[in-house]
């Protein structure tokens, strides 16, 4: 028993998760076949649990084909205590167990260091215990999907406030049911944020700037967006993660619990007192 919990050492700050892992590990042979990229079920019948804790909100939901339950609650320091009970409650609301899932979908970042560790630890723990894969999804892509709405063709420049005077930025295009990355996720200062060069011409499709912290970005470095650009609030919602999951599954992006990793773009997670004072004075 002890060795199983050690394989998911990230969960040691959530003791109840270790008990769940052990209970699931004892019964996972009865949970049925592990479904992977080589054995793809009908997308309309796929079952996923999805969550993102990269921002100050906890976004969590689950689906059983077209049936979906999703939540958005204050997260941050509260996320680690809420996420497992809320996940089990959500699955129960759909009449599902962890063993019936096709995969656990994790918003992999970029985002809050603590939030990413929480999401990864919980995803690894639940997936390992239920003998299921983890499906990591870029948090900024989930923001783009949330901003897309029902548009079939759209371009989205996604932004998340990274604090410490910096922002996580990426650019995406959606066409024919597929997302394409135009600008890889990056950690930028306000003055480094640029409109993608590929979009320098008049956009042939609706184009949006979306995310969390757009007001802070504009205040730090007023940006002149091209004409016709729509600025919208968007987040890495559970609904967005669940809409992205089937395509990610089809591409073979599911990994074992041990291989699931967050996307860190920042090595330094806190400023010194001198750095904070200098930022205030600027």
Protein backbone atom coordinates (compact mmCIF):
# COMPACT_ATOMS: atom_id res chain seq x y z
CA UNK A 1 0.00 0.00 0.00
CA UNK A 2 2.67 2.49 1.07
CA UNK A 3 4.61 2.12 -2.13
CA UNK A 4 1.59 3.03 -4.23
CA UNK A 5 1.15 6.32 -2.43
CA UNK A 6 4.85 7.14 -2.76
CA UNK A 7 4.55 6.92 -6.54
CA UNK A 8 2.32 9.98 -6.30
CA UNK A 9 4.33 11.87 -3.71
CA UNK A 10 2.87 15.19 -4.84
CA UNK A 11 -0.34 14.31 -2.99
CA UNK A 12 1.22 14.10 0.47
CA UNK A 13 -0.35 17.46 1.37
CA UNK A 14 -3.82 15.91 0.74
CA UNK A 15 -3.94 12.77 2.95
CA UNK A 16 -7.42 11.73 1.87
CA UNK A 17 -6.27 11.36 -1.73
CA UNK A 18 -3.80 8.66 -0.74
CA UNK A 19 -6.64 6.62 0.74
CA UNK A 20 -8.65 6.97 -2.46
CA UNK A 21 -5.66 5.85 -4.54
CA UNK A 22 -5.21 2.73 -2.43
CA UNK A 23 -8.89 1.85 -2.54
CA UNK A 24 -9.03 2.25 -6.32
CA UNK A 25 -5.78 0.35 -6.85
CA UNK A 26 -7.24 -2.64 -5.01
CA UNK A 27 -10.27 -2.75 -7.27
CA UNK A 28 -8.97 -1.46 -10.58
CA UNK A 29 -8.83 -4.95 -12.13
CA UNK A 30 -12.60 -4.94 -11.85
CA UNK A 31 -12.90 -1.51 -13.45
CA UNK A 32 -12.61 -2.81 -17.00
CA UNK A 33 -10.13 -2.35 -19.82
CA UNK A 34 -7.92 0.72 -19.92
CA UNK A 35 -8.85 2.63 -23.05
CA UNK A 36 -5.94 4.29 -24.84
CA UNK A 37 -5.16 6.00 -28.13
CA UNK A 38 -5.04 2.62 -29.90
CA UNK A 39 -8.53 1.67 -28.75
CA UNK A 40 -10.64 4.75 -29.29
CA UNK A 41 -14.32 4.54 -28.36
CA UNK A 42 -17.07 6.53 -30.02
CA UNK A 43 -16.46 10.20 -29.13
CA UNK A 44 -20.16 10.65 -28.38
CA UNK A 45 -19.86 8.11 -25.58
CA UNK A 46 -16.54 9.19 -24.07
CA UNK A 47 -16.34 9.86 -20.36
CA UNK A 48 -13.92 12.42 -18.94
CA UNK A 49 -13.23 14.17 -15.66
CA UNK A 50 -11.55 17.56 -16.28
CA UNK A 51 -10.14 20.29 -14.06
CA UNK A 52 -7.88 23.33 -14.13
CA UNK A 53 -6.40 25.08 -11.09
CA UNK A 54 -3.90 27.32 -12.88
CA UNK A 55 -5.76 30.53 -12.01
CA UNK A 56 -7.51 31.80 -8.89
CA UNK A 57 -10.56 29.74 -9.84
CA UNK A 58 -11.12 26.01 -9.63
CA UNK A 59 -12.74 24.84 -12.86
CA UNK A 60 -13.95 21.24 -12.70
CA UNK A 61 -16.43 19.15 -14.65
CA UNK A 62 -17.19 15.75 -16.08
CA UNK A 63 -19.03 14.39 -19.10
CA UNK A 64 -20.68 11.18 -20.14
CA UNK A 65 -21.03 11.71 -23.86
CA UNK A 66 -23.27 14.78 -24.28
CA UNK A 67 -24.22 14.84 -20.59
CA UNK A 68 -22.10 17.32 -18.69
CA UNK A 69 -21.79 18.84 -15.21
CA UNK A 70 -19.36 21.74 -14.68
CA UNK A 71 -18.38 23.98 -11.79
CA UNK A 72 -16.41 27.21 -11.33
CA UNK A 73 -15.47 28.02 -7.74
CA UNK A 74 -12.89 30.17 -5.96
CA UNK A 75 -9.69 28.16 -6.00
CA UNK A 76 -6.14 29.24 -5.15
CA UNK A 77 -5.32 27.98 -1.64
CA UNK A 78 -8.76 26.37 -1.36
CA UNK A 79 -8.38 24.23 -4.47
CA UNK A 80 -6.38 21.42 -2.87
CA UNK A 81 -9.06 20.84 -0.25
CA UNK A 82 -12.00 21.08 -2.67
CA UNK A 83 -10.89 19.32 -5.81
CA UNK A 84 -11.17 15.63 -4.88
CA UNK A 85 -14.50 15.83 -3.02
CA UNK A 86 -15.94 17.97 -5.82
CA UNK A 87 -14.65 15.55 -8.47
CA UNK A 88 -16.29 12.58 -6.76
CA UNK A 89 -19.53 14.52 -6.26
CA UNK A 90 -19.56 15.54 -9.93
CA UNK A 91 -19.00 12.00 -11.16
CA UNK A 92 -21.72 10.77 -8.84
CA UNK A 93 -24.09 13.33 -10.34
CA UNK A 94 -23.58 11.66 -13.71
CA UNK A 95 -23.82 8.16 -12.28
CA UNK A 96 -20.14 7.54 -13.00
CA UNK A 97 -17.16 6.19 -11.07
CA UNK A 98 -13.48 6.91 -11.67
CA UNK A 99 -13.08 3.41 -13.07
CA UNK A 100 -15.58 4.17 -15.85
CA UNK A 101 -13.66 7.17 -17.18
CA UNK A 102 -11.68 7.12 -20.41
CA UNK A 103 -9.17 9.61 -19.01
CA UNK A 104 -8.57 12.35 -16.46
CA UNK A 105 -8.18 15.68 -18.28
CA UNK A 106 -5.75 18.11 -16.66
CA UNK A 107 -5.21 21.78 -17.46
CA UNK A 108 -1.42 21.58 -17.56
CA UNK A 109 -0.62 25.27 -17.48
CA UNK A 110 1.02 27.66 -17.70
CA UNK A 111 -0.26 29.30 -14.54
CA UNK A 112 0.11 29.48 -10.80
CA UNK A 113 2.97 27.30 -9.55
CA UNK A 114 0.97 25.95 -6.63
CA UNK A 115 -2.13 25.53 -8.77
CA UNK A 116 -0.26 23.51 -11.39
CA UNK A 117 1.25 21.25 -8.72
CA UNK A 118 -2.20 20.68 -7.27
CA UNK A 119 -3.76 19.79 -10.63
CA UNK A 120 -0.90 17.46 -11.55
CA UNK A 121 -0.87 15.74 -8.17
CA UNK A 122 -4.60 15.11 -8.21
CA UNK A 123 -4.60 13.99 -11.85
CA UNK A 124 -1.74 11.57 -11.21
CA UNK A 125 -3.33 10.24 -8.03
CA UNK A 126 -6.80 9.66 -9.43
CA UNK A 127 -5.56 8.29 -12.74
CA UNK A 128 -3.05 5.94 -11.12
CA UNK A 129 -5.57 4.64 -8.63
CA UNK A 130 -8.18 4.01 -11.32
CA UNK A 131 -5.61 2.70 -13.85
CA UNK A 132 -6.55 5.39 -16.35
CA UNK A 133 -4.45 7.74 -18.50
CA UNK A 134 -4.08 11.48 -18.02
CA UNK A 135 -4.91 13.83 -20.89
CA UNK A 136 -2.94 17.08 -20.43
CA UNK A 137 -4.41 20.13 -22.21
CA UNK A 138 -2.76 23.54 -22.53
CA UNK A 139 -4.49 26.01 -20.24
CA UNK A 140 -4.15 28.81 -22.80
CA UNK A 141 -5.78 26.60 -25.43
CA UNK A 142 -8.71 26.08 -23.05
CA UNK A 143 -8.96 29.88 -22.75
CA UNK A 144 -9.06 30.12 -26.55
CA UNK A 145 -11.79 27.46 -26.71
CA UNK A 146 -13.83 29.32 -24.10
CA UNK A 147 -13.45 32.52 -26.14
CA UNK A 148 -14.38 30.80 -29.41
CA UNK A 149 -18.02 30.36 -28.52
CA UNK A 150 -19.83 28.80 -31.47
CA UNK A 151 -17.58 30.28 -34.19
CA UNK A 152 -16.30 27.74 -36.72
CA UNK A 153 -13.38 29.97 -37.73
CA UNK A 154 -11.62 32.29 -35.31
CA UNK A 155 -8.23 33.60 -34.23
CA UNK A 156 -7.55 34.09 -30.53
CA UNK A 157 -4.64 35.76 -28.77
CA UNK A 158 -4.81 34.39 -25.23
CA UNK A 159 -3.48 36.15 -22.14
CA UNK A 160 -3.25 35.15 -18.47
CA UNK A 161 -1.89 37.43 -15.76
CA UNK A 162 1.27 35.72 -14.45
CA UNK A 163 1.74 38.30 -11.66
CA UNK A 164 5.15 39.83 -10.96
CA UNK A 165 4.55 42.18 -13.89
CA UNK A 166 4.43 39.41 -16.49
CA UNK A 167 1.84 37.61 -18.62
CA UNK A 168 1.41 34.19 -20.19
CA UNK A 169 0.61 34.68 -23.87
CA UNK A 170 -0.13 32.38 -26.83
CA UNK A 171 -1.96 32.62 -30.16
CA UNK A 172 -4.28 30.10 -31.78
CA UNK A 173 -6.36 29.60 -34.93
CA UNK A 174 -9.49 27.45 -35.18
CA UNK A 175 -10.74 26.17 -38.54
CA UNK A 176 -12.51 23.02 -39.72
CA UNK A 177 -12.94 21.80 -36.17
CA UNK A 178 -9.22 21.94 -35.36
CA UNK A 179 -7.02 24.28 -33.32
CA UNK A 180 -3.56 25.24 -34.59
CA UNK A 181 -0.93 26.96 -32.48
CA UNK A 182 0.38 30.16 -34.09
CA UNK A 183 2.47 31.44 -31.18
CA UNK A 184 3.72 29.03 -28.50
CA UNK A 185 2.89 29.82 -24.87
CA UNK A 186 5.45 32.25 -23.49
CA UNK A 187 6.09 34.30 -20.34
CA UNK A 188 6.35 37.94 -21.41
CA UNK A 189 6.65 41.39 -19.93
CA UNK A 190 3.87 43.79 -21.02
CA UNK A 191 6.16 45.50 -23.55
CA UNK A 192 7.08 42.15 -25.11
CA UNK A 193 3.48 41.28 -26.01
CA UNK A 194 3.17 41.52 -29.78
CA UNK A 195 0.50 40.80 -32.34
CA UNK A 196 1.49 37.58 -34.20
CA UNK A 197 3.32 38.42 -37.42
CA UNK A 198 1.20 35.83 -39.24
CA UNK A 199 -1.81 38.02 -38.45
CA UNK A 200 -0.31 41.27 -39.70
CA UNK A 201 -2.69 41.41 -42.63
CA UNK A 202 -6.41 42.12 -42.31
CA UNK A 203 -7.74 39.04 -40.47
CA UNK A 204 -9.81 36.78 -42.75
CA UNK A 205 -11.62 35.36 -39.73
CA UNK A 206 -13.05 36.87 -36.53
CA UNK A 207 -10.15 37.69 -34.22
CA UNK A 208 -10.29 38.00 -30.45
CA UNK A 209 -8.00 38.89 -27.56
CA UNK A 210 -9.13 36.84 -24.58
CA UNK A 211 -8.13 35.82 -21.11
CA UNK A 212 -7.70 36.95 -17.52
CA UNK A 213 -5.80 40.11 -16.63
CA UNK A 214 -6.37 42.06 -19.83
CA UNK A 215 -7.01 45.22 -17.82
CA UNK A 216 -3.66 44.83 -16.05
CA UNK A 217 -1.92 44.29 -19.39
CA UNK A 218 -3.48 47.41 -20.91
CA UNK A 219 -2.60 49.46 -17.83
CA UNK A 220 1.03 48.32 -17.90
CA UNK A 221 1.57 48.81 -21.63
CA UNK A 222 -1.31 50.29 -23.64
CA UNK A 223 -1.58 48.17 -26.77
CA UNK A 224 -3.16 49.23 -30.04
CA UNK A 225 -5.02 46.19 -31.27
CA UNK A 226 -5.78 46.08 -35.02
CA UNK A 227 -9.21 47.34 -36.10
CA UNK A 228 -12.09 44.93 -35.67
CA UNK A 229 -10.51 43.00 -32.81
CA UNK A 230 -12.90 41.92 -30.07
CA UNK A 231 -11.57 41.85 -26.51
CA UNK A 232 -13.37 39.27 -24.37
CA UNK A 233 -13.04 37.77 -20.91
CA UNK A 234 -12.40 34.03 -21.03
CA UNK A 235 -11.09 31.32 -18.72
CA UNK A 236 -9.88 27.69 -18.82
CA UNK A 237 -13.35 26.40 -17.99
CA UNK A 238 -14.26 22.77 -17.49
CA UNK A 239 -16.62 23.00 -20.45
CA UNK A 240 -13.74 24.14 -22.68
CA UNK A 241 -11.46 21.34 -21.45
CA UNK A 242 -14.15 18.75 -22.08
CA UNK A 243 -14.78 20.07 -25.61
CA UNK A 244 -11.05 19.84 -26.36
CA UNK A 245 -10.59 16.39 -24.84
CA UNK A 246 -11.88 14.20 -27.73
CA UNK A 247 -9.55 15.82 -30.29
CA UNK A 248 -6.60 15.55 -27.90
CA UNK A 249 -7.48 11.89 -27.37
CA UNK A 250 -7.65 11.25 -31.11
CA UNK A 251 -4.17 12.79 -31.49
CA UNK A 252 -2.77 10.31 -28.99
CA UNK A 253 -1.89 12.91 -26.36
CA UNK A 254 -2.98 10.76 -23.40
CA UNK A 255 -0.11 9.70 -21.15
CA UNK A 256 0.30 7.42 -18.15
CA UNK A 257 -0.18 8.94 -14.71
CA UNK A 258 3.57 8.85 -14.09
CA UNK A 259 4.26 10.81 -17.29
CA UNK A 260 1.78 13.63 -16.64
CA UNK A 261 3.66 16.88 -16.11
CA UNK A 262 2.65 20.53 -15.71
CA UNK A 263 3.86 23.22 -18.10
CA UNK A 264 6.07 25.58 -16.13
CA UNK A 265 7.24 28.72 -17.94
CA UNK A 266 8.68 30.44 -14.87
CA UNK A 267 11.52 29.19 -12.71
CA UNK A 268 11.22 31.98 -10.16
CA UNK A 269 7.94 31.94 -8.23
CA UNK A 270 8.35 34.96 -5.93
CA UNK A 271 9.91 38.39 -5.92
CA UNK A 272 12.29 39.75 -3.34
CA UNK A 273 11.18 42.70 -1.20
CA UNK A 274 13.43 45.00 -3.25
CA UNK A 275 11.91 43.76 -6.51
CA UNK A 276 8.37 44.30 -5.22
CA UNK A 277 9.21 47.85 -4.12
CA UNK A 278 10.82 48.61 -7.48
CA UNK A 279 7.72 47.35 -9.29
CA UNK A 280 5.49 49.58 -7.19
CA UNK A 281 7.63 52.64 -7.93
CA UNK A 282 7.60 52.08 -11.69
